């Protein structure tokens, strides 16, 4: 069965991220390309980072979804370069994170200097991260590591609620 790539993208937009199910894989930006090659559907996927434990589940979920829609000939390709960045999160994905109680990245990786990136990675420089619940900027980082490796733990001093921040990378 050969359907348009637009239809394939629509199907993939229904596949949730296994770690943050409010996001689809297309919201997250990990699906890089969808194309037909000699009757085989090729889906190119970039993991959020090379050691991401969800990569195998993501690939299985993509394959399961597409096969349930009638795609018989399928190949998944992993592409590591350029590496995934939070800049690839869709605007809808950022809004979904905020509505779910996770603060989306506040900066663009493309806008950060190398020294700024290193400071962020080392955890030496705190960001002003607005609370996704009340919008206050009076927040503090509790831990560089949140519920998953791609998030940091923050707390709002205004509403006193803890929240995850999706780290910029």
N, C-alpha and C. Protein backbone atom coordinates (compact mmCIF):
# COMPACT_ATOMS: atom_id res chain seq x y z
N UNK A 1 0.84 -1.18 0.00
CA UNK A 1 0.00 0.00 0.00
C UNK A 1 0.89 1.24 0.00
N UNK A 2 0.68 2.10 -0.98
CA UNK A 2 1.46 3.32 -1.06
C UNK A 2 0.52 4.52 -0.96
N UNK A 3 0.64 5.26 0.14
CA UNK A 3 -0.17 6.46 0.35
C UNK A 3 0.75 7.67 0.33
N UNK A 4 0.17 8.85 0.30
CA UNK A 4 0.98 10.06 0.23
C UNK A 4 1.79 10.25 1.52
N UNK A 5 2.91 10.94 1.37
CA UNK A 5 3.72 11.22 2.56
C UNK A 5 2.97 12.16 3.51
N UNK A 6 2.09 13.00 2.98
CA UNK A 6 1.28 13.86 3.86
C UNK A 6 0.42 13.01 4.79
N UNK A 7 -0.16 11.94 4.25
CA UNK A 7 -0.97 11.03 5.07
C UNK A 7 -0.10 10.33 6.10
N UNK A 8 1.09 9.92 5.71
CA UNK A 8 2.03 9.27 6.63
C UNK A 8 2.35 10.22 7.79
N UNK A 9 2.64 11.49 7.48
CA UNK A 9 2.92 12.48 8.52
C UNK A 9 1.74 12.61 9.47
N UNK A 10 0.52 12.60 8.93
CA UNK A 10 -0.68 12.69 9.79
C UNK A 10 -0.75 11.48 10.73
N UNK A 11 -0.47 10.30 10.21
CA UNK A 11 -0.48 9.10 11.05
C UNK A 11 0.58 9.21 12.14
N UNK A 12 1.77 9.65 11.78
CA UNK A 12 2.86 9.76 12.75
C UNK A 12 2.58 10.82 13.81
N UNK A 13 1.77 11.82 13.47
CA UNK A 13 1.40 12.85 14.44
C UNK A 13 0.51 12.28 15.55
N UNK A 14 0.02 11.06 15.36
CA UNK A 14 -0.82 10.40 16.37
C UNK A 14 -0.01 9.50 17.30
N UNK A 15 1.29 9.37 17.05
CA UNK A 15 2.14 8.49 17.87
C UNK A 15 2.73 9.31 19.02
N UNK A 16 2.36 8.96 20.26
CA UNK A 16 2.87 9.75 21.40
C UNK A 16 4.31 9.39 21.76
N UNK A 17 5.01 10.38 22.30
CA UNK A 17 6.33 10.12 22.85
C UNK A 17 6.14 9.24 24.08
N UNK A 18 6.94 8.16 24.24
CA UNK A 18 6.73 7.25 25.38
C UNK A 18 7.04 7.86 26.74
N UNK A 19 7.89 8.88 26.80
CA UNK A 19 8.24 9.49 28.08
C UNK A 19 7.35 10.69 28.42
N UNK A 20 6.88 11.39 27.40
CA UNK A 20 6.01 12.56 27.59
C UNK A 20 4.83 12.38 26.64
N UNK A 21 3.85 11.56 27.02
CA UNK A 21 2.79 11.17 26.08
C UNK A 21 1.89 12.30 25.59
N UNK A 22 1.98 13.48 26.19
CA UNK A 22 1.20 14.60 25.69
C UNK A 22 1.78 15.11 24.36
N UNK A 23 3.04 14.77 24.08
CA UNK A 23 3.70 15.15 22.83
C UNK A 23 3.63 14.01 21.84
N UNK A 24 3.41 14.34 20.57
CA UNK A 24 3.56 13.34 19.52
C UNK A 24 5.03 13.34 19.08
N UNK A 25 5.40 12.31 18.36
CA UNK A 25 6.78 12.25 17.86
C UNK A 25 7.05 13.38 16.87
N UNK A 26 6.00 13.84 16.17
CA UNK A 26 6.19 14.96 15.26
C UNK A 26 6.30 16.28 16.03
N UNK A 27 5.56 16.42 17.14
CA UNK A 27 5.71 17.60 18.00
C UNK A 27 7.14 17.69 18.52
N UNK A 28 7.68 16.53 18.90
CA UNK A 28 9.02 16.46 19.46
C UNK A 28 10.09 16.75 18.41
N UNK A 29 9.78 16.49 17.15
CA UNK A 29 10.73 16.76 16.07
C UNK A 29 11.73 15.66 15.84
N UNK A 30 11.47 14.45 16.34
CA UNK A 30 12.43 13.36 16.16
C UNK A 30 12.27 12.66 14.81
N UNK A 31 11.14 12.83 14.16
CA UNK A 31 10.96 12.26 12.83
C UNK A 31 11.45 13.29 11.83
N UNK A 32 12.52 12.94 11.13
CA UNK A 32 13.21 13.89 10.26
C UNK A 32 12.70 13.87 8.83
N UNK A 33 12.33 12.67 8.36
CA UNK A 33 11.97 12.57 6.95
C UNK A 33 11.07 11.35 6.75
N UNK A 34 10.20 11.46 5.79
CA UNK A 34 9.34 10.36 5.36
C UNK A 34 9.38 10.36 3.85
N UNK A 35 9.76 9.23 3.26
CA UNK A 35 9.85 9.17 1.79
C UNK A 35 9.65 7.74 1.32
N UNK A 36 9.24 7.62 0.07
CA UNK A 36 9.12 6.31 -0.56
C UNK A 36 10.35 6.06 -1.41
N UNK A 37 10.93 4.87 -1.29
CA UNK A 37 12.06 4.44 -2.12
C UNK A 37 11.72 3.07 -2.69
N UNK A 38 11.43 3.03 -3.97
CA UNK A 38 11.15 1.78 -4.68
C UNK A 38 10.13 0.91 -3.93
N UNK A 39 9.03 1.52 -3.52
CA UNK A 39 7.95 0.77 -2.87
C UNK A 39 8.13 0.54 -1.38
N UNK A 40 9.22 1.04 -0.81
CA UNK A 40 9.46 0.91 0.63
C UNK A 40 9.34 2.29 1.27
N UNK A 41 8.57 2.36 2.34
CA UNK A 41 8.48 3.61 3.09
C UNK A 41 9.69 3.71 4.00
N UNK A 42 10.42 4.80 3.89
CA UNK A 42 11.60 5.04 4.72
C UNK A 42 11.28 6.20 5.66
N UNK A 43 11.40 5.94 6.96
CA UNK A 43 11.18 6.96 7.98
C UNK A 43 12.51 7.20 8.68
N UNK A 44 12.96 8.43 8.65
CA UNK A 44 14.23 8.80 9.28
C UNK A 44 13.94 9.40 10.65
N UNK A 45 14.60 8.84 11.67
CA UNK A 45 14.37 9.23 13.05
C UNK A 45 15.69 9.66 13.69
N UNK A 46 15.65 10.75 14.43
CA UNK A 46 16.80 11.20 15.21
C UNK A 46 16.41 11.16 16.68
N UNK A 47 17.10 10.34 17.49
CA UNK A 47 16.77 10.31 18.93
C UNK A 47 17.13 11.63 19.58
N UNK A 48 16.49 11.92 20.70
CA UNK A 48 16.78 13.17 21.41
C UNK A 48 18.23 13.21 21.90
N UNK A 49 18.78 12.06 22.21
CA UNK A 49 20.22 11.95 22.44
C UNK A 49 20.61 10.50 22.20
N UNK A 50 21.88 10.25 21.94
CA UNK A 50 22.30 8.92 21.46
C UNK A 50 22.04 7.81 22.47
N UNK A 51 21.97 8.11 23.75
CA UNK A 51 21.72 7.08 24.75
C UNK A 51 20.29 7.05 25.26
N UNK A 52 19.39 7.70 24.56
CA UNK A 52 18.01 7.80 25.03
C UNK A 52 17.40 6.41 25.17
N UNK A 53 16.92 6.07 26.38
CA UNK A 53 16.36 4.74 26.59
C UNK A 53 15.04 4.51 25.86
N UNK A 54 14.40 5.59 25.40
CA UNK A 54 13.11 5.46 24.72
C UNK A 54 13.25 5.19 23.23
N UNK A 55 14.46 5.20 22.68
CA UNK A 55 14.65 5.06 21.25
C UNK A 55 14.04 3.77 20.70
N UNK A 56 14.28 2.65 21.36
CA UNK A 56 13.73 1.37 20.88
C UNK A 56 12.21 1.38 20.91
N UNK A 57 11.63 1.96 21.95
CA UNK A 57 10.17 2.04 22.06
C UNK A 57 9.61 2.96 20.97
N UNK A 58 10.28 4.07 20.72
CA UNK A 58 9.85 5.01 19.67
C UNK A 58 9.82 4.29 18.33
N UNK A 59 10.90 3.57 18.01
CA UNK A 59 10.95 2.84 16.74
C UNK A 59 9.85 1.79 16.65
N UNK A 60 9.61 1.07 17.72
CA UNK A 60 8.55 0.07 17.74
C UNK A 60 7.18 0.72 17.56
N UNK A 61 6.96 1.84 18.23
CA UNK A 61 5.68 2.55 18.11
C UNK A 61 5.44 3.06 16.70
N UNK A 62 6.49 3.57 16.05
CA UNK A 62 6.37 4.02 14.66
C UNK A 62 6.00 2.85 13.77
N UNK A 63 6.73 1.77 13.91
CA UNK A 63 6.47 0.58 13.09
C UNK A 63 5.06 0.04 13.34
N UNK A 64 4.65 -0.06 14.59
CA UNK A 64 3.32 -0.56 14.93
C UNK A 64 2.23 0.31 14.32
N UNK A 65 2.37 1.61 14.43
CA UNK A 65 1.37 2.54 13.88
C UNK A 65 1.27 2.39 12.37
N UNK A 66 2.40 2.42 11.70
CA UNK A 66 2.37 2.39 10.23
C UNK A 66 1.88 1.04 9.71
N UNK A 67 2.26 -0.04 10.36
CA UNK A 67 1.76 -1.36 9.93
C UNK A 67 0.26 -1.47 10.18
N UNK A 68 -0.25 -0.88 11.28
CA UNK A 68 -1.69 -0.92 11.55
C UNK A 68 -2.47 -0.10 10.52
N UNK A 69 -1.79 0.82 9.86
CA UNK A 69 -2.42 1.63 8.81
C UNK A 69 -2.26 1.00 7.42
N UNK A 70 -1.63 -0.18 7.37
CA UNK A 70 -1.52 -0.91 6.10
C UNK A 70 -0.20 -0.81 5.39
N UNK A 71 0.79 -0.16 5.99
CA UNK A 71 2.11 -0.08 5.35
C UNK A 71 2.82 -1.41 5.55
N UNK A 72 3.17 -2.06 4.45
CA UNK A 72 3.80 -3.38 4.53
C UNK A 72 5.32 -3.30 4.43
N UNK A 73 5.82 -2.51 3.50
CA UNK A 73 7.26 -2.39 3.29
C UNK A 73 7.74 -1.12 3.98
N UNK A 74 8.51 -1.31 5.05
CA UNK A 74 8.91 -0.20 5.90
C UNK A 74 10.35 -0.37 6.35
N UNK A 75 11.07 0.75 6.34
CA UNK A 75 12.45 0.74 6.87
C UNK A 75 12.62 2.00 7.71
N UNK A 76 13.13 1.82 8.92
CA UNK A 76 13.45 2.95 9.79
C UNK A 76 14.95 3.20 9.72
N UNK A 77 15.30 4.45 9.54
CA UNK A 77 16.70 4.85 9.52
C UNK A 77 16.96 5.77 10.70
N UNK A 78 18.08 5.54 11.38
CA UNK A 78 18.46 6.43 12.46
C UNK A 78 19.49 7.42 11.93
N UNK A 79 19.25 8.70 12.15
CA UNK A 79 20.17 9.74 11.70
C UNK A 79 20.62 10.54 12.92
N UNK A 80 21.92 10.51 13.20
CA UNK A 80 22.46 11.17 14.38
C UNK A 80 23.05 12.56 14.10
N UNK A 81 23.25 12.87 12.82
CA UNK A 81 23.86 14.15 12.48
C UNK A 81 23.00 14.88 11.46
N UNK A 82 22.65 16.12 11.72
CA UNK A 82 22.95 16.85 12.94
C UNK A 82 22.16 16.28 14.11
N UNK A 83 22.69 16.45 15.32
CA UNK A 83 21.99 15.91 16.48
C UNK A 83 20.68 16.66 16.74
N UNK A 84 19.75 15.95 17.35
CA UNK A 84 18.47 16.56 17.71
C UNK A 84 18.70 17.72 18.67
N UNK A 85 17.87 18.72 18.58
CA UNK A 85 17.93 19.87 19.46
C UNK A 85 16.51 20.27 19.85
N UNK A 86 16.37 20.89 20.99
CA UNK A 86 15.06 21.36 21.43
C UNK A 86 14.51 22.43 20.49
N UNK A 87 15.35 22.98 19.63
CA UNK A 87 14.85 23.92 18.62
C UNK A 87 13.86 23.22 17.67
N UNK A 88 13.91 21.90 17.60
CA UNK A 88 13.03 21.14 16.71
C UNK A 88 11.65 20.90 17.30
N UNK A 89 11.44 21.24 18.56
CA UNK A 89 10.10 21.13 19.14
C UNK A 89 9.17 22.07 18.38
N UNK A 90 8.00 21.58 18.02
CA UNK A 90 7.05 22.43 17.32
C UNK A 90 6.44 23.45 18.29
N UNK A 91 5.94 24.57 17.78
CA UNK A 91 5.24 25.52 18.65
C UNK A 91 4.07 24.86 19.39
N UNK A 92 3.37 23.95 18.70
CA UNK A 92 2.28 23.23 19.35
C UNK A 92 2.80 22.34 20.46
N UNK A 93 3.96 21.72 20.23
CA UNK A 93 4.58 20.87 21.24
C UNK A 93 4.98 21.66 22.48
N UNK A 94 5.52 22.86 22.28
CA UNK A 94 5.89 23.72 23.41
C UNK A 94 4.65 24.09 24.23
N UNK A 95 3.56 24.40 23.55
CA UNK A 95 2.31 24.73 24.25
C UNK A 95 1.77 23.51 24.99
N UNK A 96 1.86 22.34 24.37
CA UNK A 96 1.39 21.11 25.02
C UNK A 96 2.21 20.82 26.29
N UNK A 97 3.52 21.03 26.22
CA UNK A 97 4.36 20.84 27.41
C UNK A 97 3.89 21.75 28.55
N UNK A 98 3.73 23.03 28.23
CA UNK A 98 3.33 24.01 29.24
C UNK A 98 1.98 23.64 29.85
N UNK A 99 1.01 23.27 29.00
CA UNK A 99 -0.31 22.90 29.49
C UNK A 99 -0.28 21.63 30.34
N UNK A 100 0.71 20.78 30.10
CA UNK A 100 0.87 19.53 30.83
C UNK A 100 1.61 19.74 32.16
N UNK A 101 2.17 20.94 32.34
CA UNK A 101 2.88 21.25 33.59
C UNK A 101 4.39 21.14 33.49
N UNK A 102 4.93 21.04 32.26
CA UNK A 102 6.38 20.99 32.04
C UNK A 102 6.77 22.29 31.35
N UNK A 103 7.73 23.00 31.91
CA UNK A 103 8.18 24.23 31.29
C UNK A 103 8.99 23.90 30.03
N UNK A 104 8.62 24.46 28.88
CA UNK A 104 9.39 24.21 27.66
C UNK A 104 10.72 24.96 27.70
N UNK A 105 11.65 24.61 26.82
CA UNK A 105 12.93 25.32 26.78
C UNK A 105 12.72 26.82 26.60
N UNK A 106 13.49 27.61 27.33
CA UNK A 106 13.34 29.06 27.26
C UNK A 106 14.29 29.72 26.28
N UNK A 107 15.27 28.98 25.80
CA UNK A 107 16.24 29.53 24.86
C UNK A 107 16.34 28.63 23.65
N UNK A 108 16.91 29.18 22.62
CA UNK A 108 17.21 28.41 21.42
C UNK A 108 18.67 28.00 21.48
N UNK A 109 18.94 26.74 21.18
CA UNK A 109 20.32 26.26 21.16
C UNK A 109 21.12 27.06 20.13
N UNK A 110 20.49 27.40 19.02
CA UNK A 110 21.16 28.15 17.97
C UNK A 110 21.59 29.54 18.41
N UNK A 111 20.91 30.09 19.43
CA UNK A 111 21.23 31.43 19.90
C UNK A 111 22.28 31.44 21.01
N UNK A 112 22.57 30.27 21.61
CA UNK A 112 23.51 30.22 22.72
C UNK A 112 24.95 30.19 22.23
N UNK A 113 25.81 30.88 22.96
CA UNK A 113 27.24 30.80 22.68
C UNK A 113 27.76 29.45 23.18
N UNK A 114 28.95 29.09 22.75
CA UNK A 114 29.56 27.83 23.21
C UNK A 114 29.75 27.88 24.72
N UNK A 115 30.22 29.00 25.26
CA UNK A 115 30.42 29.09 26.71
C UNK A 115 29.07 29.00 27.44
N UNK A 116 28.02 29.57 26.83
CA UNK A 116 26.69 29.47 27.43
C UNK A 116 26.20 28.04 27.46
N UNK A 117 26.46 27.29 26.39
CA UNK A 117 26.07 25.88 26.35
C UNK A 117 26.81 25.08 27.41
N UNK A 118 28.12 25.33 27.53
CA UNK A 118 28.91 24.61 28.53
C UNK A 118 28.44 24.94 29.94
N UNK A 119 28.10 26.19 30.20
CA UNK A 119 27.59 26.57 31.51
C UNK A 119 26.28 25.85 31.80
N UNK A 120 25.41 25.76 30.80
CA UNK A 120 24.13 25.08 30.98
C UNK A 120 24.35 23.60 31.25
N UNK A 121 25.26 22.99 30.49
CA UNK A 121 25.52 21.56 30.67
C UNK A 121 26.12 21.26 32.03
N UNK A 122 26.96 22.14 32.53
CA UNK A 122 27.59 21.90 33.83
C UNK A 122 26.65 22.23 34.98
N UNK A 123 25.54 22.90 34.68
CA UNK A 123 24.58 23.25 35.72
C UNK A 123 25.01 24.46 36.54
N UNK A 124 26.03 25.19 36.09
CA UNK A 124 26.55 26.32 36.87
C UNK A 124 25.73 27.59 36.68
N UNK A 125 24.97 27.65 35.60
CA UNK A 125 24.24 28.86 35.31
C UNK A 125 22.74 28.56 35.36
N UNK A 126 22.03 29.23 36.26
CA UNK A 126 20.58 29.02 36.36
C UNK A 126 19.84 29.89 35.36
N UNK A 127 18.75 29.37 34.87
CA UNK A 127 17.90 30.09 33.94
C UNK A 127 16.71 30.67 34.70
N UNK A 128 16.12 31.67 34.12
CA UNK A 128 14.83 32.15 34.60
C UNK A 128 13.80 31.34 33.82
N UNK A 129 13.18 30.40 34.50
CA UNK A 129 12.22 29.50 33.87
C UNK A 129 10.84 29.81 34.43
N UNK A 130 9.95 30.35 33.60
CA UNK A 130 8.60 30.65 34.09
C UNK A 130 7.86 29.38 34.50
N UNK A 131 7.11 29.48 35.58
CA UNK A 131 6.31 28.36 36.06
C UNK A 131 5.22 28.05 35.04
N UNK A 132 5.10 26.79 34.62
CA UNK A 132 4.06 26.45 33.64
C UNK A 132 2.65 26.49 34.24
N UNK A 133 2.55 26.54 35.55
CA UNK A 133 1.23 26.55 36.20
C UNK A 133 0.69 27.96 36.41
N UNK A 134 1.53 28.85 36.99
CA UNK A 134 1.03 30.19 37.30
C UNK A 134 1.70 31.29 36.49
N UNK A 135 2.78 30.95 35.76
CA UNK A 135 3.46 31.93 34.91
C UNK A 135 4.50 32.77 35.62
N UNK A 136 4.67 32.60 36.92
CA UNK A 136 5.64 33.39 37.67
C UNK A 136 7.06 33.09 37.21
N UNK A 137 7.89 34.13 37.22
CA UNK A 137 9.32 33.95 36.92
C UNK A 137 10.14 33.76 38.19
N UNK A 138 9.49 33.77 39.32
CA UNK A 138 10.16 33.58 40.61
C UNK A 138 10.26 32.08 40.88
N UNK A 139 11.20 31.44 40.20
CA UNK A 139 11.39 29.99 40.29
C UNK A 139 12.84 29.69 40.63
N UNK A 140 13.07 28.48 41.09
CA UNK A 140 14.43 28.06 41.40
C UNK A 140 14.66 26.63 40.95
N UNK A 141 15.90 26.37 40.53
CA UNK A 141 16.27 25.01 40.15
C UNK A 141 16.53 24.22 41.42
N UNK A 142 15.87 23.07 41.54
CA UNK A 142 16.05 22.18 42.68
C UNK A 142 17.13 21.16 42.37
N UNK A 143 17.14 20.68 41.12
CA UNK A 143 18.11 19.69 40.69
C UNK A 143 18.31 19.78 39.19
N UNK A 144 19.52 19.56 38.75
CA UNK A 144 19.83 19.54 37.32
C UNK A 144 19.12 18.37 36.63
N UNK A 145 18.69 17.39 37.41
CA UNK A 145 18.06 16.20 36.84
C UNK A 145 16.65 16.06 37.36
N UNK A 146 15.70 15.90 36.40
CA UNK A 146 14.30 15.75 36.74
C UNK A 146 13.86 14.31 36.58
N UNK A 147 12.61 14.12 36.18
CA UNK A 147 12.04 12.78 36.07
C UNK A 147 12.63 11.97 34.92
N UNK A 148 13.22 12.64 33.95
CA UNK A 148 13.96 11.97 32.87
C UNK A 148 15.25 12.77 32.65
N UNK A 149 16.26 12.19 31.99
CA UNK A 149 17.53 12.90 31.82
C UNK A 149 17.42 14.22 31.04
N UNK A 150 16.36 14.37 30.25
CA UNK A 150 16.23 15.60 29.45
C UNK A 150 15.52 16.72 30.20
N UNK A 151 15.22 16.50 31.47
CA UNK A 151 14.51 17.52 32.24
C UNK A 151 15.26 17.84 33.54
N UNK A 152 15.06 19.06 34.02
CA UNK A 152 15.59 19.49 35.32
C UNK A 152 14.40 19.75 36.25
N UNK A 153 14.63 19.62 37.54
CA UNK A 153 13.56 19.85 38.53
C UNK A 153 13.62 21.29 39.02
N UNK A 154 12.48 21.96 38.95
CA UNK A 154 12.35 23.35 39.42
C UNK A 154 11.21 23.44 40.42
N UNK A 155 11.16 24.57 41.13
CA UNK A 155 10.07 24.84 42.05
C UNK A 155 9.70 26.32 41.89
N UNK A 156 8.42 26.58 41.94
CA UNK A 156 7.92 27.95 41.86
C UNK A 156 7.82 28.52 43.27
N UNK A 157 8.40 29.67 43.48
CA UNK A 157 8.31 30.33 44.80
C UNK A 157 6.97 31.04 44.98
N UNK A 158 6.27 31.26 43.89
CA UNK A 158 4.97 31.95 43.95
C UNK A 158 3.84 31.00 44.34
N UNK A 159 3.65 29.94 43.52
CA UNK A 159 2.56 28.99 43.81
C UNK A 159 3.04 27.78 44.61
N UNK A 160 4.37 27.69 44.83
CA UNK A 160 5.01 26.63 45.61
C UNK A 160 4.95 25.24 44.98
N UNK A 161 4.58 25.18 43.72
CA UNK A 161 4.49 23.88 43.04
C UNK A 161 5.83 23.50 42.40
N UNK A 162 6.19 22.22 42.48
CA UNK A 162 7.36 21.73 41.74
C UNK A 162 6.97 21.50 40.29
N UNK A 163 7.94 21.57 39.40
CA UNK A 163 7.68 21.28 37.99
C UNK A 163 8.97 20.88 37.29
N UNK A 164 8.81 20.17 36.20
CA UNK A 164 9.96 19.82 35.37
C UNK A 164 10.18 20.91 34.33
N UNK A 165 11.45 21.11 33.97
CA UNK A 165 11.84 22.00 32.90
C UNK A 165 12.50 21.15 31.82
N UNK A 166 12.03 21.23 30.61
CA UNK A 166 12.61 20.50 29.49
C UNK A 166 13.87 21.24 29.07
N UNK A 167 15.02 20.66 29.43
CA UNK A 167 16.31 21.33 29.22
C UNK A 167 16.58 21.61 27.74
N UNK A 168 17.19 22.75 27.53
CA UNK A 168 17.58 23.17 26.19
C UNK A 168 18.84 22.40 25.78
N UNK A 169 18.76 21.67 24.69
CA UNK A 169 19.93 20.97 24.16
C UNK A 169 19.74 20.64 22.71
